[in-house]
Protein backbone atom coordinates (compact mmCIF):
# COMPACT_ATOMS: atom_id res chain seq x y z
CA UNK A 1 139.83 66.76 175.94
CA UNK A 2 138.21 63.55 177.13
CA UNK A 3 139.84 60.94 178.34
CA UNK A 4 139.82 57.58 177.40
CA UNK A 5 139.03 55.26 179.94
CA UNK A 6 141.95 51.83 179.43
CA UNK A 7 139.95 49.36 177.71
CA UNK A 8 140.37 45.18 178.48
CA UNK A 9 141.89 43.01 175.64
CA UNK A 10 138.81 41.27 174.57
CA UNK A 11 139.10 38.02 176.02
CA UNK A 12 139.89 33.90 174.75
CA UNK A 13 137.19 32.76 173.70
CA UNK A 14 136.89 30.14 175.73
CA UNK A 15 138.56 26.68 174.02
CA UNK A 16 135.78 25.06 171.38
CA UNK A 17 136.83 21.94 172.48
CA UNK A 18 134.76 19.15 171.32
CA UNK A 19 131.83 18.33 173.78
CA UNK A 20 132.71 14.93 174.93
CA UNK A 21 130.19 11.44 172.76
CA UNK A 22 127.43 10.50 174.72
CA UNK A 23 128.33 6.98 175.85
CA UNK A 24 130.79 3.76 174.42
CA UNK A 25 132.90 4.70 171.63
CA UNK A 26 132.87 1.44 169.46
CA UNK A 27 135.72 -0.16 168.16
CA UNK A 28 133.94 -3.58 166.98
CA UNK A 29 130.68 -4.20 165.55
CA UNK A 30 128.50 -7.67 165.65
CA UNK A 31 125.64 -6.90 162.83
CA UNK A 32 126.01 -10.36 162.21
CA UNK A 33 124.43 -11.01 165.07
CA UNK A 34 121.32 -9.08 164.92
CA UNK A 35 120.69 -11.27 161.69
CA UNK A 36 120.70 -14.70 162.69
CA UNK A 37 119.64 -14.30 166.42
CA UNK A 38 116.90 -12.89 168.59
CA UNK A 39 118.67 -10.39 171.59
CA UNK A 40 116.93 -11.36 174.83
CA UNK A 41 119.66 -10.14 177.13
CA UNK A 42 122.87 -7.98 177.02
CA UNK A 43 125.15 -7.91 179.41
CA UNK A 44 128.47 -6.18 179.40
CA UNK A 45 131.66 -7.74 180.69
CA UNK A 46 135.31 -6.39 180.71
CA UNK A 47 138.33 -8.54 179.04
CA UNK A 48 141.54 -9.73 180.26
CA UNK A 49 143.97 -8.64 177.64
CA UNK A 50 147.86 -8.34 176.79
CA UNK A 51 149.39 -4.93 176.25
CA UNK A 52 149.92 -5.19 172.75
CA UNK A 53 146.67 -5.68 172.46
CA UNK A 54 144.88 -3.13 174.10
CA UNK A 55 147.58 -0.99 171.01
CA UNK A 56 145.81 -2.61 168.51
CA UNK A 57 141.98 -2.22 170.04
CA UNK A 58 142.99 1.39 170.69
CA UNK A 59 144.24 1.92 166.56
CA UNK A 60 140.61 -0.02 165.78
CA UNK A 61 142.14 -3.67 164.31
CA UNK A 62 139.57 -6.09 166.00
CA UNK A 63 137.42 -8.27 164.32
CA UNK A 64 134.43 -9.85 166.43
CA UNK A 65 131.90 -10.96 163.53
CA UNK A 66 133.53 -15.15 163.52
CA UNK A 67 134.02 -14.56 167.82
CA UNK A 68 131.60 -16.54 169.69
CA UNK A 69 131.20 -16.72 173.70
CA UNK A 70 131.24 -20.01 175.75
CA UNK A 71 131.25 -21.42 179.67
CA UNK A 72 133.81 -23.75 181.25
CA UNK A 73 134.19 -25.06 184.50
CA UNK A 74 132.74 -20.87 185.77
CA UNK A 75 134.07 -19.10 183.54
CA UNK A 76 133.22 -17.07 179.96
CA UNK A 77 135.77 -16.68 177.86
CA UNK A 78 135.66 -15.31 174.23
CA UNK A 79 136.87 -17.04 171.04
CA UNK A 80 137.57 -16.38 167.54
CA UNK A 81 137.87 -12.34 167.82
CA UNK A 82 140.98 -11.30 165.60
CA UNK A 83 143.04 -8.67 166.95
CA UNK A 84 145.45 -7.92 164.35
CA UNK A 85 148.61 -7.23 166.44
CA UNK A 86 150.64 -3.48 165.21
CA UNK A 87 153.78 -3.68 163.59
CA UNK A 88 155.21 -1.44 166.29
CA UNK A 89 154.52 -3.57 169.28
CA UNK A 90 157.23 -5.37 171.20
CA UNK A 91 159.31 -8.32 169.65
CA UNK A 92 159.51 -10.93 171.80
CA UNK A 93 156.43 -11.70 172.64
CA UNK A 94 155.27 -13.63 169.85
CA UNK A 95 150.96 -12.44 169.42
CA UNK A 96 148.55 -15.09 168.88
CA UNK A 97 145.99 -12.65 166.97
CA UNK A 98 142.72 -14.88 167.36
CA UNK A 99 143.74 -16.34 170.94
CA UNK A 100 141.14 -17.19 172.98
CA UNK A 101 140.81 -14.32 176.02
CA UNK A 102 138.85 -15.08 179.72
CA UNK A 103 135.70 -12.46 180.17
CA UNK A 104 135.26 -10.85 183.75
CA UNK A 105 131.68 -11.06 185.20
CA UNK A 106 130.01 -10.89 188.66
CA UNK A 107 129.03 -14.05 189.87
CA UNK A 108 125.58 -13.96 189.60
CA UNK A 109 126.21 -12.70 186.00
CA UNK A 110 127.45 -15.97 185.68
CA UNK A 111 125.56 -18.07 186.82
CA UNK A 112 122.67 -16.79 185.31
CA UNK A 113 124.29 -16.93 182.05
CA UNK A 114 125.54 -21.20 183.18
CA UNK A 115 121.24 -21.33 183.12
CA UNK A 116 120.32 -20.70 180.10
CA UNK A 117 122.72 -21.51 178.11
CA UNK A 118 122.70 -25.12 178.98
CA UNK A 119 118.76 -25.29 180.54
CA UNK A 120 117.15 -22.90 178.02
CA UNK A 121 118.95 -24.22 174.57
CA UNK A 122 120.46 -19.91 174.74
CA UNK A 123 123.61 -19.38 172.95
CA UNK A 124 126.22 -16.69 173.95
CA UNK A 125 126.31 -13.57 170.72
CA UNK A 126 129.55 -11.00 171.17
CA UNK A 127 127.66 -8.32 169.75
CA UNK A 128 130.22 -4.76 169.89
CA UNK A 129 133.71 -3.76 171.38
CA UNK A 130 133.50 -0.69 172.97
CA UNK A 131 136.18 1.94 175.21
CA UNK A 132 134.12 2.52 178.63
CA UNK A 133 136.28 5.15 181.08
CA UNK A 134 139.40 4.00 179.64
CA UNK A 135 138.58 -0.01 179.98
CA UNK A 136 137.81 -2.25 177.48
CA UNK A 137 134.30 -3.72 177.50
CA UNK A 138 133.18 -6.39 175.38
CA UNK A 139 128.51 -6.24 175.03
CA UNK A 140 127.35 -10.23 174.66
CA UNK A 141 123.76 -11.02 174.21
CA UNK A 142 122.17 -14.33 175.43
CA UNK A 143 120.50 -15.49 171.90
CA UNK A 144 117.75 -17.45 170.70
CA UNK A 145 119.23 -18.76 167.26
CA UNK A 146 116.25 -16.95 163.82
CA UNK A 147 115.39 -18.69 161.61
CA UNK A 148 115.23 -19.12 157.67
CA UNK A 149 111.72 -17.69 157.69
CA UNK A 150 112.68 -15.42 160.43
CA UNK A 151 115.42 -13.76 159.26
CA UNK A 152 113.18 -13.39 155.25
CA UNK A 153 111.10 -11.81 157.41
CA UNK A 154 113.21 -9.48 159.78
CA UNK A 155 114.82 -8.57 155.82
CA UNK A 156 111.48 -7.91 154.76
CA UNK A 157 110.40 -5.16 158.08
CA UNK A 158 113.69 -3.48 156.68
CA UNK A 159 113.36 -3.19 153.64
CA UNK A 160 109.68 -1.91 153.99
CA UNK A 161 111.09 0.59 157.11
CA UNK A 162 113.83 1.52 154.32
CA UNK A 163 110.98 2.30 151.12
CA UNK A 164 108.57 4.17 153.57
CA UNK A 165 111.22 6.28 154.79
CA UNK A 166 112.08 7.67 151.23
CA UNK A 167 108.42 8.08 150.36
CA UNK A 168 108.30 9.94 153.02
CA UNK A 169 111.15 11.98 152.36
CA UNK A 170 109.85 12.46 148.87
CA UNK A 171 106.13 12.86 149.78
């Protein structure tokens, strides 16, 4: 009689956790900025937020299309961004969805931005709002405004690349 060796129970498959997405998780994007401006440089800034604002960001209730960035007294601020408060947030706090929020940048970056905005005529525009390592960040762009003919050229290039891709898929 052949002796059977006890076999170990099959090992459970390794838990299939989804691979962490590379790069930041985008909350809100300002696509209009890329259409209206030539983006020369990009900067990453932290935001000074209240508790209810963080909860609203986690729920994805943010809009930065109408927002803009300005420099005052050596500090950088975001204004016009709309963070819709959740119904379940604290009742004793009066939520202002469009309040001006301070941006956190290095002193050297602020000095560079001040020089570009005041002397060279650049504009600061918010590009995207995202999470990075559990902190809300705002990517701002140092931009020059586009003329109407520049916007038409951008649109024509976009249409041509779309048509070219369509033709290559068919062909």
